[in-house]
Amino acid sequence: MEISITGDALILQKSIRERIEADAHSFANRFNNKPTRIEIKLEEEFDQVKGHRIRCGLSTSLGDRRQILVRESRKKPEDAIAAAFTAAKRTVRRLAVNRSSPPGLSPAT
């Protein structure tokens, strides 16, 4: 699995990179259709309502030719990273449920 980490140099400290790599390996080991590539991009943004925030964009390609893209913004980079991986896990589970349910039936939530 290939992990690509990009973004603002001020945000990408060694501890942040290590956290992303650990979360990416945990994410990849959790599912049967292993991601072949995970891209993380951290950027600073300013929202007039919520103020200064860190946006984490996570893009992954799954083994069954599906791509997942999530973006989460939080005050701290660690919180943004955790929120992005949580959203990606939720999306992968939803895709698995939708694939396994018979056509015409919506999955139970």
Protein backbone atom coordinates (compact mmCIF):
# COMPACT_ATOMS: atom_id res chain seq x y z
CA MET A 1 0.00 0.00 0.00
CA GLU A 2 1.23 3.44 -0.92
CA ILE A 3 0.70 6.40 1.44
CA SER A 4 1.04 9.95 0.13
CA ILE A 5 1.05 12.81 2.66
CA THR A 6 1.03 16.40 1.38
CA GLY A 7 0.05 19.81 2.67
CA ASP A 8 1.27 22.88 4.44
CA ALA A 9 4.76 22.49 5.88
CA LEU A 10 3.81 24.12 9.18
CA ILE A 11 1.15 21.48 9.84
CA LEU A 12 3.12 18.40 8.75
CA GLN A 13 5.30 17.85 11.77
CA LYS A 14 6.94 14.48 12.43
CA SER A 15 4.30 13.53 15.05
CA ILE A 16 1.48 14.34 12.61
CA ARG A 17 3.08 12.22 9.86
CA GLU A 18 3.52 9.31 12.27
CA ARG A 19 -0.12 9.61 13.35
CA ILE A 20 -1.30 9.58 9.72
CA GLU A 21 0.82 6.53 8.88
CA ALA A 22 -0.44 4.62 11.93
CA ASP A 23 -4.08 5.48 11.14
CA ALA A 24 -3.59 4.56 7.47
CA HIS A 25 -2.19 1.11 8.32
CA SER A 26 -4.98 0.54 10.83
CA PHE A 27 -7.54 1.57 8.18
CA ALA A 28 -6.00 -0.74 5.55
CA ASN A 29 -5.88 -3.76 7.86
CA ARG A 30 -9.50 -3.35 8.92
CA PHE A 31 -11.17 -4.17 5.59
CA ASN A 32 -11.12 -7.11 3.19
CA ASN A 33 -10.91 -4.97 0.06
CA LYS A 34 -7.54 -3.48 0.94
CA PRO A 35 -6.81 0.06 -0.20
CA THR A 36 -4.05 0.17 -2.79
CA ARG A 37 -3.28 3.85 -2.22
CA ILE A 38 -4.13 6.42 0.45
CA GLU A 39 -3.59 10.14 -0.10
CA ILE A 40 -3.81 12.66 2.74
CA LYS A 41 -3.71 16.41 2.23
CA LEU A 42 -3.66 18.84 5.17
CA GLU A 43 -4.40 22.50 4.54
CA GLU A 44 -5.09 25.56 6.64
CA GLU A 45 -8.28 27.44 5.93
CA PHE A 46 -10.07 30.42 7.35
CA ASP A 47 -13.83 30.31 7.74
CA GLN A 48 -15.47 33.64 8.61
CA VAL A 49 -17.94 31.90 10.90
CA LYS A 50 -15.75 29.21 12.51
CA GLY A 51 -12.35 30.90 12.27
CA HIS A 52 -8.99 29.24 11.61
CA ARG A 53 -9.30 25.52 10.85
CA ILE A 54 -7.30 22.60 9.48
CA ARG A 55 -8.85 20.67 6.59
CA CYS A 56 -7.89 17.03 6.08
CA GLY A 57 -8.70 15.49 2.72
CA LEU A 58 -8.46 11.70 2.48
CA SER A 59 -8.60 9.92 -0.86
CA THR A 60 -8.25 6.17 -1.19
CA SER A 61 -8.52 3.64 -3.98
CA LEU A 62 -9.96 0.31 -2.95
CA GLY A 63 -9.07 -3.01 -4.52
CA ASP A 64 -12.45 -3.36 -6.22
CA ARG A 65 -11.91 -0.22 -8.34
CA ARG A 66 -13.79 2.12 -6.04
CA GLN A 67 -12.52 5.45 -4.83
CA ILE A 68 -13.44 7.21 -1.60
CA LEU A 69 -12.91 10.90 -0.97
CA VAL A 70 -13.71 12.60 2.35
CA ARG A 71 -12.89 16.03 3.72
CA GLU A 72 -13.13 17.08 7.34
CA SER A 73 -12.22 20.37 9.04
CA ARG A 74 -11.38 20.84 12.70
CA LYS A 75 -9.44 23.25 14.90
CA LYS A 76 -6.55 20.83 15.53
CA PRO A 77 -4.79 18.69 12.91
CA GLU A 78 -5.11 15.56 15.07
CA ASP A 79 -8.88 16.02 15.28
CA ALA A 80 -9.18 16.61 11.52
CA ILE A 81 -7.17 13.44 10.78
CA ALA A 82 -9.25 11.33 13.17
CA ALA A 83 -12.50 12.69 11.71
CA ALA A 84 -11.38 11.98 8.13
CA PHE A 85 -10.43 8.36 8.90
CA THR A 86 -13.69 7.86 10.82
CA ALA A 87 -15.70 9.17 7.86
CA ALA A 88 -13.74 6.95 5.45
CA LYS A 89 -14.38 3.84 7.61
CA ARG A 90 -18.08 4.67 7.72
CA THR A 91 -18.15 5.06 3.93
CA VAL A 92 -16.37 1.74 3.31
CA ARG A 93 -18.80 -0.06 5.64
CA ARG A 94 -21.75 1.56 3.85
CA LEU A 95 -20.40 0.46 0.47
CA ALA A 96 -19.98 -3.10 1.76
CA VAL A 97 -23.55 -3.21 3.07
CA ASN A 98 -24.95 -1.78 -0.17
CA ARG A 99 -23.05 -4.34 -2.21
CA SER A 100 -24.19 -7.30 -0.14
CA SER A 101 -27.89 -6.38 -0.02
CA PRO A 102 -30.17 -7.83 -2.74
CA PRO A 103 -31.20 -5.47 -5.56
CA GLY A 104 -34.32 -3.48 -4.77
CA LEU A 105 -33.87 -3.73 -1.01
CA SER A 106 -32.37 -0.89 0.95
CA PRO A 107 -29.97 -1.89 3.73
CA ALA A 108 -31.16 -1.55 7.31
CA THR A 109 -29.60 1.31 9.19
